[in-house]
Amino acid sequence: MAAPTIAWPEKTHEIRNVIMDSIRWDGFPFRDDDIVITTWGKSGTTWTQQIVGQLVRCGAEMSTMAISPWLDAAPRPLKEVLDLLEAQTHRRFIKSHLPLDALVFSPKAKYIYVGRDGRDSLWSWHNHYASFTDQAYEMFNNAPGRIGPPLERCPEDVVEHFRQWLDDRDHSQLPDFWSHYQGWFDARRLPNILLVHFNHLKADLPGEMRRIAGFLGIEIEESLWPTLIEHCTFDYMKKTATKHPILQAAFKNGSNDFFHSGTNGRWRDLLTADDLANYDSKVKEKLTPECALWMATGELP
């Protein structure tokens, strides 16, 4: 009996703005063992890049952000990114913040989608966004060939930012949070997609690293695991990120802003009962119960 035909995801629309440009994936020369790490944002993207980098490079000291580019980032010249990836001889791992239906999908690549509670993601995004320097705004808004309106300044108050985001009034131009999650969640049973959750990375980093290694088909010598795990701790990443020049230029306090705290629940004492009720209502409106459960907790039905 013939194996069932898999309905692979297809790109159905473009996302093109001052932050990201989905058209940059069109015609991308995939290699069969490529790895794509994707999130809505502020959900453990760089953490997962670090994990994958340590697995691929067997614990080597390296600047993960320097070798794992964000392909759909609009301000960076595309040729520069493609030349970097073309020159790499190790297994490549690439960052994206695109929803599934705006991404060119390769059946042969491996995709890791990282999730986090929406409130925690927004709190982390606010810290990230509010810490941009004037130089960061210039990088986005003065990039050659900028598409659409400029990036606006972040609201100063995090609760007001949360309310704008929840009411679809956020001007940061990130993709829709809800359809981003639902789309990747719906595709979770494809053989080349792995869902990873921020909560599980925090609760059991060694176990999640082994799970990711298994998904990627990477075998690690047992003696190397302590080094790999140490290199993927928050403290280690924050310490080594001080060497990355773009973090020092783009954020007011450099890597201390980019790797702010890595904690959940900072919204608990700030959101009102009405805010929480409005959030719960939005979740029920936009996500299936199964996706909502996974987004909030990491638990799969």
Protein backbone atom coordinates (compact mmCIF):
# COMPACT_ATOMS: atom_id res chain seq x y z
CA MET A 1 0.00 0.00 0.00
CA ALA A 2 1.34 3.43 -0.96
CA ALA A 3 2.18 5.84 1.81
CA PRO A 4 -0.42 8.58 2.31
CA THR A 5 0.31 11.85 0.54
CA ILE A 6 1.26 14.65 2.92
CA ALA A 7 -0.41 18.01 2.39
CA TRP A 8 2.57 20.28 2.87
CA PRO A 9 1.93 23.89 3.91
CA GLU A 10 1.77 26.45 1.13
CA LYS A 11 2.49 30.14 1.22
CA THR A 12 -0.76 32.07 0.75
CA HIS A 13 0.15 35.67 1.53
CA GLU A 14 3.03 38.06 2.10
CA ILE A 15 4.02 40.06 5.18
CA ARG A 16 6.10 43.05 4.14
CA ASN A 17 6.79 45.99 6.43
CA VAL A 18 9.53 47.92 8.17
CA ILE A 19 10.44 44.92 10.35
CA MET A 20 10.07 41.83 8.18
CA ASP A 21 9.67 40.81 4.56
CA SER A 22 8.38 37.35 3.72
CA ILE A 23 9.36 37.66 0.07
CA ARG A 24 12.99 37.19 1.12
CA TRP A 25 12.27 33.45 1.44
CA ASP A 26 11.13 33.16 -2.19
CA GLY A 27 13.60 31.02 -4.08
CA PHE A 28 15.70 30.39 -0.99
CA PRO A 29 18.13 27.52 -1.80
CA PHE A 30 17.29 25.10 1.01
CA ARG A 31 19.64 22.32 1.94
CA ASP A 32 18.06 19.03 2.94
CA ASP A 33 19.24 19.28 6.55
CA ASP A 34 18.41 22.96 7.18
CA ILE A 35 16.79 23.90 10.49
CA VAL A 36 14.35 26.80 10.81
CA ILE A 37 13.61 28.19 14.28
CA THR A 38 10.46 30.28 14.27
CA THR A 39 8.34 32.16 16.80
CA TRP A 40 5.97 35.10 16.98
CA GLY A 41 8.68 36.70 19.05
CA LYS A 42 10.04 36.94 22.60
CA SER A 43 9.19 33.32 23.25
CA GLY A 44 12.63 31.79 23.54
CA THR A 45 13.85 32.30 19.97
CA THR A 46 17.47 33.11 20.78
CA TRP A 47 17.46 30.47 23.52
CA THR A 48 16.42 27.83 21.01
CA GLN A 49 18.98 29.09 18.50
CA GLN A 50 21.61 28.67 21.19
CA ILE A 51 20.43 25.13 21.94
CA VAL A 52 20.46 24.14 18.27
CA GLY A 53 23.85 25.80 17.78
CA GLN A 54 25.34 23.87 20.68
CA LEU A 55 23.91 20.61 19.33
CA VAL A 56 25.12 21.27 15.79
CA ARG A 57 28.57 22.51 16.84
CA CYS A 58 29.05 20.08 19.76
CA GLY A 59 29.43 22.69 22.46
CA ALA A 60 31.76 25.05 20.62
CA GLU A 61 32.24 28.60 21.87
CA MET A 62 30.55 30.79 19.26
CA SER A 63 28.31 33.77 18.63
CA THR A 64 25.04 32.08 17.78
CA MET A 65 23.43 35.29 16.55
CA ALA A 66 26.32 35.84 14.15
CA ILE A 67 25.89 32.48 12.40
CA SER A 68 22.10 32.00 12.68
CA PRO A 69 20.61 34.97 10.81
CA TRP A 70 17.03 36.21 10.84
CA LEU A 71 16.32 35.74 7.13
CA ASP A 72 13.07 37.73 6.98
CA ALA A 73 14.50 40.76 8.81
CA ALA A 74 13.81 43.62 6.39
CA PRO A 75 16.64 46.04 7.31
CA ARG A 76 19.54 43.66 6.70
CA PRO A 77 20.68 43.38 3.07
CA LEU A 78 19.42 40.06 1.72
CA LYS A 79 22.60 39.32 -0.23
CA GLU A 80 24.62 39.64 2.96
CA VAL A 81 22.43 37.02 4.66
CA LEU A 82 22.42 34.65 1.69
CA ASP A 83 26.20 34.90 1.29
CA LEU A 84 26.65 34.11 4.99
CA LEU A 85 24.44 31.02 4.76
CA GLU A 86 25.93 29.85 1.47
CA ALA A 87 29.44 29.93 2.95
CA GLN A 88 28.50 27.80 5.95
CA THR A 89 29.71 24.20 5.88
CA HIS A 90 28.09 23.14 9.17
CA ARG A 91 24.41 22.30 9.40
CA ARG A 92 22.57 25.61 9.04
CA PHE A 93 19.96 26.94 11.46
CA ILE A 94 17.95 29.99 10.47
CA LYS A 95 15.61 32.28 12.39
CA SER A 96 12.16 33.45 11.27
CA HIS A 97 9.27 35.30 12.83
CA LEU A 98 6.80 34.51 10.05
CA PRO A 99 3.51 32.68 10.39
CA LEU A 100 3.34 29.37 8.56
CA ASP A 101 1.14 30.66 5.75
CA ALA A 102 3.61 33.46 4.89
CA LEU A 103 6.68 31.22 4.85
CA VAL A 104 8.11 29.17 1.99
CA PHE A 105 8.04 25.66 3.47
CA SER A 106 10.53 22.93 2.63
CA PRO A 107 9.43 19.33 3.27
CA LYS A 108 13.09 18.38 3.79
CA ALA A 109 13.99 21.04 6.35
CA LYS A 110 13.25 20.74 10.09
CA TYR A 111 11.11 23.39 11.81
CA ILE A 112 11.08 24.20 15.53
CA TYR A 113 8.22 26.44 16.66
CA VAL A 114 8.60 27.93 20.13
CA GLY A 115 5.60 29.13 22.14
CA ARG A 116 4.90 31.09 25.30
CA ASP A 117 1.89 32.52 27.12
CA GLY A 118 0.73 35.61 25.26
CA ARG A 119 0.95 37.86 28.30
CA ASP A 120 4.52 36.80 29.00
CA SER A 121 5.48 37.29 25.35
CA LEU A 122 3.96 40.77 25.33
CA TRP A 123 5.73 41.75 28.55
CA SER A 124 9.02 40.59 27.10
CA TRP A 125 8.30 42.29 23.78
CA HIS A 126 7.54 45.57 25.57
CA ASN A 127 10.89 45.47 27.37
CA HIS A 128 12.63 44.69 24.07
CA TYR A 129 10.78 47.38 22.09
CA ALA A 130 10.97 50.07 24.78
CA SER A 131 14.74 49.56 25.03
CA PHE A 132 15.44 50.43 21.38
CA THR A 133 18.00 53.17 20.91
CA ASP A 134 17.69 55.99 18.39
CA GLN A 135 20.20 54.03 16.33
CA ALA A 136 17.83 51.04 16.28
CA TYR A 137 14.95 53.18 14.99
CA GLU A 138 17.25 54.61 12.35
CA MET A 139 18.27 51.08 11.30
CA PHE A 140 14.64 50.13 10.71
CA ASN A 141 13.24 53.39 9.39
CA ASN A 142 16.14 54.49 7.20
CA ALA A 143 16.92 51.13 5.64
CA PRO A 144 17.18 51.30 1.84
CA GLY A 145 13.93 50.23 0.20
CA ARG A 146 11.91 50.39 3.42
CA ILE A 147 8.40 49.03 2.92
CA GLY A 148 5.40 50.78 4.47
CA PRO A 149 5.24 53.22 7.38
CA PRO A 150 8.12 53.72 9.81
CA LEU A 151 8.35 51.92 13.13
CA GLU A 152 6.64 54.01 15.80
CA ARG A 153 7.97 54.53 19.30
CA CYS A 154 6.94 52.01 21.92
CA PRO A 155 4.29 53.07 24.47
CA GLU A 156 6.02 53.84 27.75
CA ASP A 157 3.48 52.05 29.95
CA VAL A 158 3.50 48.27 29.61
CA VAL A 159 -0.16 47.87 30.62
CA GLU A 160 -1.23 50.38 27.98
CA HIS A 161 0.91 48.51 25.47
CA PHE A 162 -0.81 45.26 26.48
CA ARG A 163 -4.25 46.82 25.99
CA GLN A 164 -3.29 48.17 22.57
CA TRP A 165 -1.95 44.77 21.55
CA LEU A 166 -5.06 42.96 22.79
CA ASP A 167 -7.35 45.39 20.95
CA ASP A 168 -5.33 45.11 17.72
CA ARG A 169 -4.06 48.68 18.13
CA ASP A 170 -0.39 47.80 18.52
CA HIS A 171 1.67 49.74 15.98
CA SER A 172 4.80 47.61 16.15
CA GLN A 173 3.81 45.84 12.88
CA LEU A 174 4.43 42.31 14.15
CA PRO A 175 2.25 39.56 12.60
CA ASP A 176 -1.08 38.72 14.18
CA PHE A 177 -0.29 36.77 17.34
CA TRP A 178 -3.34 34.50 17.30
CA SER A 179 -3.26 33.23 13.73
CA HIS A 180 0.52 32.81 14.05
CA TYR A 181 0.04 30.37 16.93
CA GLN A 182 -2.98 28.60 15.50
CA GLY A 183 -1.34 28.05 12.12
CA TRP A 184 1.81 26.43 13.47
CA PHE A 185 -0.15 24.48 16.08
CA ASP A 186 -2.46 23.04 13.43
CA ALA A 187 0.58 21.76 11.51
CA ARG A 188 2.19 20.15 14.58
CA ARG A 189 1.70 16.57 13.34
CA LEU A 190 3.81 17.07 10.24
CA PRO A 191 6.94 14.92 10.53
CA ASN A 192 9.32 17.88 10.27
CA ILE A 193 7.72 20.24 12.80
CA LEU A 194 8.48 20.21 16.53
CA LEU A 195 6.65 22.35 19.08
CA VAL A 196 8.78 23.60 21.98
CA HIS A 197 7.48 25.69 24.87
CA PHE A 198 9.24 28.32 26.96
CA ASN A 199 7.82 26.82 30.18
CA HIS A 200 9.39 23.46 29.44
CA LEU A 201 12.75 25.01 28.59
CA LYS A 202 12.73 26.69 32.00
CA ALA A 203 11.49 23.61 33.89
CA ASP A 204 13.69 20.95 32.25
CA LEU A 205 16.38 22.38 30.02
CA PRO A 206 18.41 19.12 29.78
CA GLY A 207 15.31 17.10 28.89
CA GLU A 208 14.17 19.58 26.24
CA MET A 209 17.65 19.73 24.75
CA ARG A 210 17.67 15.96 24.41
CA ARG A 211 14.20 16.05 22.85
CA ILE A 212 15.34 18.65 20.30
CA ALA A 213 18.46 16.60 19.55
CA GLY A 214 16.30 13.55 18.92
CA PHE A 215 14.04 15.48 16.56
CA LEU A 216 17.05 16.76 14.62
CA GLY A 217 18.69 13.34 14.50
CA ILE A 218 21.80 14.60 16.30
CA GLU A 219 23.71 12.16 18.50
CA ILE A 220 25.76 13.72 21.29
CA GLU A 221 28.49 11.99 23.26
CA GLU A 222 27.30 11.66 26.84
CA SER A 223 30.42 13.35 28.17
CA LEU A 224 29.58 16.53 26.22
CA TRP A 225 26.13 17.09 27.70
CA PRO A 226 27.22 19.04 30.82
CA THR A 227 29.07 21.55 28.62
CA LEU A 228 26.18 21.89 26.17
CA ILE A 229 23.68 22.44 28.97
CA GLU A 230 25.88 25.03 30.69
CA HIS A 231 26.25 26.92 27.40
CA CYS A 232 22.46 27.10 27.11
CA THR A 233 21.72 28.58 30.52
CA PHE A 234 20.33 32.10 30.67
CA ASP A 235 23.31 33.40 32.67
CA TYR A 236 25.81 32.02 30.17
CA MET A 237 23.97 33.47 27.18
CA LYS A 238 23.63 36.87 28.84
CA LYS A 239 27.34 36.92 29.69
CA THR A 240 28.56 35.93 26.23
CA ALA A 241 26.09 38.23 24.42
CA THR A 242 28.08 41.26 25.60
CA LYS A 243 30.46 40.46 22.74
CA HIS A 244 27.78 41.00 20.08
CA PRO A 245 28.11 44.57 18.73
CA ILE A 246 24.58 44.95 17.40
CA LEU A 247 23.10 44.42 20.86
CA GLN A 248 25.22 47.22 22.23
CA ALA A 249 24.09 49.54 19.43
CA ALA A 250 20.39 48.62 19.29
CA PHE A 251 19.52 48.52 23.00
CA LYS A 252 19.96 51.19 25.65
CA ASN A 253 21.62 48.75 28.05
CA GLY A 254 23.01 46.40 25.45
CA SER A 255 22.66 42.69 26.11
CA ASN A 256 21.10 43.39 29.53
CA ASP A 257 18.00 44.61 27.69
CA PHE A 258 18.02 41.84 25.07
CA PHE A 259 18.38 39.14 27.76
CA HIS A 260 16.27 41.00 30.31
CA SER A 261 15.03 38.48 32.87
CA GLY A 262 13.62 35.38 31.20
CA THR A 263 10.86 35.21 33.80
CA ASN A 264 7.14 34.62 33.48
CA GLY A 265 4.20 36.20 35.29
CA ARG A 266 5.44 39.79 35.47
CA TRP A 267 1.93 40.87 34.44
CA ARG A 268 0.17 39.28 37.42
CA ASP A 269 0.28 42.28 39.75
CA LEU A 270 -0.31 44.85 37.02
CA LEU A 271 -3.28 43.67 34.97
CA THR A 272 -6.76 44.35 36.32
CA ALA A 273 -9.54 41.79 36.55
CA ASP A 274 -11.07 43.38 33.43
CA ASP A 275 -7.75 43.08 31.58
CA LEU A 276 -7.51 39.40 32.44
CA ALA A 277 -11.12 38.78 31.45
CA ASN A 278 -10.59 40.55 28.13
CA TYR A 279 -7.50 38.45 27.50
CA ASP A 280 -9.36 35.22 28.26
CA SER A 281 -12.16 36.30 25.94
CA LYS A 282 -9.67 36.98 23.14
CA VAL A 283 -8.06 33.59 23.62
CA LYS A 284 -11.43 31.83 23.37
CA GLU A 285 -12.36 33.85 20.29
CA LYS A 286 -9.12 33.33 18.39
CA LEU A 287 -7.71 29.94 19.40
CA THR A 288 -9.02 26.41 19.57
CA PRO A 289 -9.11 25.06 23.14
CA GLU A 290 -6.21 22.73 22.38
CA CYS A 291 -4.05 25.53 20.98
CA ALA A 292 -4.97 27.81 23.87
CA LEU A 293 -3.89 25.17 26.37
CA TRP A 294 -0.56 24.64 24.63
CA MET A 295 0.11 28.38 24.27
CA ALA A 296 -0.51 28.96 27.99
CA THR A 297 1.19 25.89 29.44
CA GLY A 298 3.04 23.88 26.82
CA GLU A 299 0.74 20.92 27.40
CA LEU A 300 -0.43 19.06 24.30
CA PRO A 301 -3.83 17.33 24.16
